[in-house]
Protein backbone atom coordinates (compact mmCIF):
# COMPACT_ATOMS: atom_id res chain seq x y z
CA MET A 1 0.00 0.00 0.00
CA LYS A 2 2.81 2.39 0.91
CA ASN A 3 4.65 1.63 -2.33
CA THR A 4 1.45 2.27 -4.29
CA LYS A 5 0.97 5.68 -2.68
CA THR A 6 4.62 6.58 -3.29
CA PHE A 7 4.38 5.54 -6.94
CA ARG A 8 1.17 7.55 -7.37
CA LEU A 9 2.76 10.63 -5.80
CA ILE A 10 5.84 10.34 -8.04
CA SER A 11 3.60 9.88 -11.08
CA GLU A 12 1.61 13.00 -10.14
CA TYR A 13 4.73 15.15 -9.82
CA ILE A 14 6.13 13.84 -13.12
CA GLN A 15 2.89 14.80 -14.84
CA ILE A 16 2.88 18.20 -13.14
CA ALA A 17 6.44 18.73 -14.42
CA PHE A 18 5.24 17.92 -17.93
CA GLY A 19 2.41 20.41 -17.49
CA ILE A 20 4.93 23.05 -16.40
CA VAL A 21 6.96 22.46 -19.57
CA LEU A 22 3.87 22.86 -21.77
CA ALA A 23 2.76 26.03 -19.97
CA SER A 24 6.29 27.44 -20.27
CA ILE A 25 6.32 26.83 -24.03
CA GLY A 26 3.02 28.67 -24.36
CA LEU A 27 4.36 31.62 -22.38
CA LYS A 28 7.93 31.93 -23.64
CA ALA A 29 7.58 30.73 -27.25
CA PHE A 30 4.27 32.43 -28.05
CA LEU A 31 2.72 34.92 -25.63
CA LEU A 32 5.60 36.74 -23.94
CA PRO A 33 7.66 37.65 -27.05
CA ASN A 34 4.57 39.13 -28.70
CA GLY A 35 3.04 40.94 -25.73
CA PHE A 36 -0.09 38.80 -25.55
CA LEU A 37 -1.87 37.92 -22.32
CA ASP A 38 -3.84 35.08 -20.82
CA GLY A 39 -6.44 35.30 -18.08
CA GLY A 40 -5.97 34.92 -14.34
CA VAL A 41 -2.80 35.53 -12.38
CA THR A 42 -0.66 34.62 -15.38
CA GLY A 43 -2.33 37.33 -17.44
CA MET A 44 -1.91 39.84 -14.61
CA ALA A 45 1.81 39.06 -14.43
CA LEU A 46 2.14 39.37 -18.22
CA LEU A 47 0.35 42.74 -18.15
CA VAL A 48 2.57 44.16 -15.41
CA ARG A 49 5.61 42.78 -17.26
CA THR A 50 4.79 45.12 -20.17
CA GLN A 51 5.02 48.14 -17.84
CA VAL A 52 7.95 47.32 -15.55
CA ASP A 53 11.35 45.77 -16.08
CA ILE A 54 10.85 42.78 -13.82
CA LYS A 55 11.20 39.20 -14.96
CA LEU A 56 7.99 37.29 -15.51
CA SER A 57 9.18 34.47 -13.25
CA VAL A 58 9.47 36.90 -10.32
CA LEU A 59 6.07 38.46 -11.02
CA LEU A 60 4.39 35.05 -11.14
CA ILE A 61 5.69 34.23 -7.67
CA ILE A 62 4.81 37.65 -6.23
CA PHE A 63 1.24 37.62 -7.56
CA SER A 64 0.71 33.99 -6.56
CA ILE A 65 1.64 34.49 -2.89
CA PRO A 66 -1.68 36.11 -1.80
CA PHE A 67 -3.70 33.39 -3.54
CA LEU A 68 -1.60 30.63 -1.97
CA ILE A 69 -2.09 32.17 1.46
CA LEU A 70 -5.81 32.30 0.73
CA GLY A 71 -5.69 28.69 -0.42
CA PHE A 72 -4.14 27.66 2.90
CA TYR A 73 -7.49 28.46 4.54
CA THR A 74 -9.84 27.32 1.77
CA VAL A 75 -8.46 24.15 0.17
CA SER A 76 -6.53 21.14 1.42
CA LYS A 77 -2.95 21.65 2.56
CA ARG A 78 -1.82 18.98 0.10
CA ILE A 79 -3.13 21.04 -2.82
CA VAL A 80 -1.43 24.17 -1.48
CA ILE A 81 1.92 22.36 -1.13
CA LYS A 82 1.66 20.94 -4.64
CA SER A 83 0.67 24.35 -5.98
CA ILE A 84 3.68 26.02 -4.32
CA VAL A 85 5.99 23.44 -5.90
CA SER A 86 4.25 23.84 -9.26
CA ILE A 87 4.35 27.64 -9.33
CA LEU A 88 7.99 27.70 -8.23
CA GLY A 89 8.77 25.10 -10.89
CA LEU A 90 7.01 27.17 -13.55
CA ALA A 91 8.83 30.33 -12.46
CA LEU A 92 12.22 28.60 -12.53
CA PHE A 93 11.56 26.97 -15.89
CA ILE A 94 10.48 30.28 -17.42
CA HIS A 95 13.53 32.00 -15.94
CA PHE A 96 16.09 29.59 -17.34
CA GLU A 97 14.53 28.39 -20.58
CA ASN A 98 15.14 30.23 -23.83
CA PHE A 99 12.67 29.12 -26.49
CA ALA A 100 12.94 30.78 -29.87
CA THR A 101 9.87 32.66 -31.11
CA ILE A 102 8.03 30.23 -33.35
CA THR A 103 5.75 32.58 -35.30
CA ASN A 104 4.81 36.25 -35.66
CA ASP A 105 1.29 35.52 -36.86
CA LYS A 106 -1.01 37.01 -34.23
CA LEU A 107 -3.79 34.48 -34.73
CA LEU A 108 -1.40 31.52 -34.43
CA ILE A 109 0.16 33.10 -31.34
CA SER A 110 -3.23 33.37 -29.63
CA ILE A 111 -4.37 29.88 -30.57
CA PHE A 112 -1.21 27.90 -29.91
CA GLY A 113 -0.13 29.99 -26.94
CA GLY A 114 -3.50 29.28 -25.35
CA LEU A 115 -3.33 25.62 -26.37
CA PHE A 116 0.03 24.96 -24.70
CA LEU A 117 -0.81 27.04 -21.64
CA GLY A 118 -4.24 25.44 -21.23
CA ALA A 119 -2.81 21.93 -21.60
CA GLY A 120 -0.20 22.65 -18.93
CA ILE A 121 -2.75 24.10 -16.50
CA GLY A 122 -5.14 21.21 -17.13
CA ILE A 123 -2.50 18.55 -16.47
CA ALA A 124 -1.52 20.30 -13.23
CA ILE A 125 -5.14 20.49 -12.04
CA ARG A 126 -5.74 16.81 -12.86
CA ASN A 127 -2.88 15.98 -10.52
CA GLY A 128 -4.06 18.10 -7.61
CA SER A 129 -2.22 21.35 -8.25
CA VAL A 130 -2.78 24.80 -9.76
CA LEU A 131 -0.52 26.97 -11.89
CA ASP A 132 -2.85 29.95 -11.63
CA GLY A 133 -4.19 31.27 -8.32
CA SER A 134 -7.43 32.76 -9.68
CA GLU A 135 -9.13 29.38 -9.21
CA ILE A 136 -8.30 29.53 -5.48
CA LEU A 137 -9.89 32.98 -5.31
CA GLY A 138 -12.97 31.53 -6.97
CA ILE A 139 -13.17 28.71 -4.41
CA TYR A 140 -12.87 31.17 -1.51
CA LEU A 141 -15.56 33.59 -2.76
CA ASN A 142 -17.81 30.67 -3.64
CA ASP A 143 -17.58 29.33 -0.08
CA ARG A 144 -18.02 32.79 1.44
CA PHE A 145 -20.74 34.32 -0.72
CA GLY A 146 -22.13 31.47 -2.81
CA ILE A 147 -21.05 33.00 -6.13
CA SER A 148 -20.14 30.42 -8.77
CA ILE A 149 -16.43 29.92 -9.44
CA GLY A 150 -16.97 30.40 -13.18
CA GLN A 151 -18.58 33.81 -12.64
CA ILE A 152 -15.78 34.93 -10.33
CA VAL A 153 -13.05 33.96 -12.80
CA LEU A 154 -15.04 35.61 -15.62
CA VAL A 155 -15.37 38.92 -13.73
CA PHE A 156 -11.69 38.76 -12.79
CA ASN A 157 -10.72 38.40 -16.44
CA ILE A 158 -13.18 41.04 -17.70
CA ILE A 159 -11.46 43.54 -15.40
CA LEU A 160 -8.03 42.32 -16.51
CA PHE A 161 -8.79 42.57 -20.23
CA SER A 162 -10.45 45.98 -19.79
CA ILE A 163 -7.26 47.28 -18.19
CA THR A 164 -5.29 45.68 -21.02
CA ALA A 165 -7.37 47.57 -23.60
CA LEU A 166 -6.71 50.87 -21.78
CA ILE A 167 -2.98 50.38 -21.13
CA LEU A 168 -1.89 48.50 -24.26
CA SER A 169 -4.46 48.41 -27.05
CA VAL A 170 -7.89 47.07 -27.92
CA GLU A 171 -6.27 44.72 -30.47
CA VAL A 172 -3.98 43.15 -27.86
CA ALA A 173 -6.94 42.82 -25.49
CA LEU A 174 -9.01 41.05 -28.16
CA TYR A 175 -6.21 38.64 -29.05
CA SER A 176 -5.65 38.03 -25.34
CA ILE A 177 -9.33 37.20 -24.90
CA LEU A 178 -8.97 34.65 -27.72
CA THR A 179 -5.93 33.20 -25.95
CA TYR A 180 -7.90 32.94 -22.71
CA ILE A 181 -10.85 31.21 -24.43
CA VAL A 182 -8.55 28.66 -26.08
CA ALA A 183 -6.65 28.05 -22.84
CA ALA A 184 -9.90 27.64 -20.85
CA LYS A 185 -11.38 25.18 -23.35
CA VAL A 186 -8.20 23.12 -23.55
CA THR A 187 -7.95 23.09 -19.75
CA ASP A 188 -11.50 21.75 -19.51
CA LEU A 189 -10.74 19.17 -22.20
CA VAL A 190 -7.64 17.92 -20.39
CA ILE A 191 -9.44 17.77 -17.02
CA GLU A 192 -12.64 16.11 -18.24
CA GLY A 193 -11.12 13.97 -20.98
CA PHE A 194 -11.75 13.72 -24.68
CA GLU A 195 -14.86 11.61 -24.36
CA ASP A 196 -18.13 13.32 -23.54
CA PHE A 197 -20.66 11.03 -21.89
CA ILE A 198 -24.38 11.57 -21.38
CA GLY A 199 -26.91 9.64 -19.34
CA VAL A 200 -30.10 8.24 -20.84
CA THR A 201 -33.20 6.87 -19.12
CA ILE A 202 -35.66 4.91 -21.27
CA VAL A 203 -39.19 3.87 -20.33
CA SER A 204 -40.88 1.54 -22.79
CA LYS A 205 -43.25 -1.44 -22.87
CA LYS A 206 -40.78 -3.08 -25.25
CA TYR A 207 -37.92 -2.77 -22.78
CA GLU A 208 -36.62 -6.31 -23.30
CA ALA A 209 -36.02 -5.79 -27.03
CA ILE A 210 -34.47 -2.37 -26.38
CA GLU A 211 -32.08 -3.82 -23.78
CA VAL A 212 -30.81 -6.44 -26.22
CA ALA A 213 -30.52 -3.96 -29.10
CA ILE A 214 -28.55 -1.41 -27.07
CA MET A 215 -26.07 -4.04 -25.85
CA LYS A 216 -25.58 -5.51 -29.31
CA GLU A 217 -25.42 -2.32 -31.37
CA LEU A 218 -23.83 0.12 -28.90
CA GLY A 219 -21.92 -2.37 -26.75
CA THR A 220 -22.59 -0.54 -23.53
CA GLY A 221 -23.76 -1.84 -20.18
CA MET A 222 -26.84 -0.58 -18.40
CA THR A 223 -28.63 -0.51 -15.10
CA ILE A 224 -32.20 -1.80 -14.97
CA TYR A 225 -34.71 -0.38 -12.50
CA LYS A 226 -37.89 -2.23 -11.70
CA GLY A 227 -40.79 0.13 -12.38
CA THR A 228 -44.13 -0.08 -10.62
CA ARG A 229 -47.60 0.94 -11.64
CA GLY A 230 -48.01 4.53 -12.70
CA VAL A 231 -50.90 6.71 -13.77
CA GLY A 232 -50.59 8.61 -17.02
CA SER A 233 -52.67 9.57 -20.02
CA SER A 234 -53.13 5.88 -20.84
CA GLY A 235 -54.20 4.91 -17.33
CA LYS A 236 -52.45 2.43 -15.04
CA SER A 237 -49.58 0.43 -16.51
CA GLU A 238 -48.21 -2.95 -15.55
CA ASP A 239 -44.80 -3.61 -14.03
CA PHE A 240 -41.92 -2.86 -16.41
CA ASP A 241 -38.16 -2.29 -16.54
CA ILE A 242 -36.68 1.21 -16.67
CA ILE A 243 -33.41 1.30 -18.62
CA HIS A 244 -30.63 3.56 -17.42
CA THR A 245 -27.40 3.74 -19.42
CA ILE A 246 -24.50 6.08 -20.12
CA ILE A 247 -23.14 6.45 -23.64
CA ASN A 248 -20.71 8.56 -25.60
CA ARG A 249 -22.39 11.67 -27.02
CA ILE A 250 -21.40 10.67 -30.55
CA ASP A 251 -23.65 7.60 -30.21
CA ILE A 252 -26.77 9.49 -29.13
CA LYS A 253 -28.39 9.62 -32.57
CA LYS A 254 -27.76 5.92 -33.06
CA MET A 255 -29.34 5.22 -29.68
CA TYR A 256 -32.46 7.19 -30.62
CA ARG A 257 -32.68 5.29 -33.90
CA ILE A 258 -32.45 1.96 -32.08
CA VAL A 259 -35.23 2.89 -29.65
CA ASN A 260 -37.48 4.48 -32.27
CA ASP A 261 -37.22 1.42 -34.51
CA LEU A 262 -38.56 -0.73 -31.67
CA ASP A 263 -40.94 1.69 -29.96
CA ASP A 264 -41.56 5.18 -31.33
CA ASN A 265 -43.67 5.96 -28.23
CA ALA A 266 -40.85 5.27 -25.78
CA PHE A 267 -40.24 7.91 -23.11
CA ILE A 268 -36.56 9.02 -23.16
CA VAL A 269 -34.81 11.37 -20.75
CA GLU A 270 -31.31 12.61 -21.65
CA PHE A 271 -29.02 14.36 -19.14
CA ASP A 272 -25.41 15.52 -18.87
CA VAL A 273 -22.85 13.45 -16.96
CA ASN A 274 -19.97 15.31 -15.32
CA SER A 275 -17.93 12.36 -14.09
CA VAL A 276 -17.88 8.65 -14.85
CA LYS A 277 -15.89 5.88 -13.19
CA GLY A 278 -16.00 2.11 -13.54
CA GLY A 279 -18.65 0.07 -15.33
CA VAL A 280 -18.31 -1.07 -18.92
CA LEU A 281 -18.58 2.33 -20.60
CA ARG A 282 -15.37 1.94 -22.54
CA HIS A 283 -15.99 -1.64 -23.57
CA TYR A 284 -17.45 -2.57 -26.90
CA LEU A 285 -19.20 -5.68 -28.03
CA ASP A 286 -16.92 -8.09 -29.84
CA LYS A 287 -19.35 -9.53 -32.37
CA LYS A 288 -16.81 -11.99 -33.71
CA LYS A 289 -16.53 -13.67 -30.32
CA ASN A 290 -20.23 -13.15 -29.51
CA LYS A 291 -19.23 -11.51 -26.25
CA VAL A 292 -22.17 -10.43 -24.12
CA LEU A 293 -21.64 -7.46 -21.83
CA PRO A 294 -22.97 -7.73 -18.28
CA LYS A 295 -25.47 -5.32 -16.82
CA VAL A 296 -24.02 -2.77 -14.38
């Protein structure tokens, strides 16, 4: 057990180090040489860097200190320790690395700068750390006043980009907003994964045929609830099975086709799924071996 925890911890720090490298490439090879910004504390440090002759690595540490202190009282100590190591690692890497400017095309700078930075931040967050302290501010204000973290970060960045438009230029502010959008989307993608799952609940008198069809054609497992009598427009119904399954979003149209072919009056409820673990979601039916997937 101890060896497993040690291995996991080492693996997490290796991945965080990789995230630091990616974030550094985004900053030093794309954003910094061209005066573009990102959102959050990183963007604030980049903005101040355009006005004062202080190294970005130093500014990142200075601006991160208040958020880390805040994090000490709002999140777990383990996250704060990892975040301190991560931010120091990012500052050191930025200080000593010397990437050549890859392109002068403003659109490419915004897109790829945001891509590398977002990937680095996302990898760090997946491993229990942060490279930007604005998320900690969001957690604190959410706990204190009930304001959503997304709204807090959005307001923070609206203020930041407004100041950017006044101090630098509207063009730089607009490109920086594009960088922030790309970085935010890539961060979400890295954290949540490339596969987007949705939950589906199906109520139908032909539930047995639908169960078999879903397993054979989609290759996904399902949970079956035993339904009892209900009163609807058609009066009382007999006992039936309620099908609950989770599928990849790309298969949703196929799922609807399967159900409609068997029962076009079936009642279907579709809902978003934020996190999935276990089950047979990633397994597919091997028709050659006639493998039957178990219910979950």
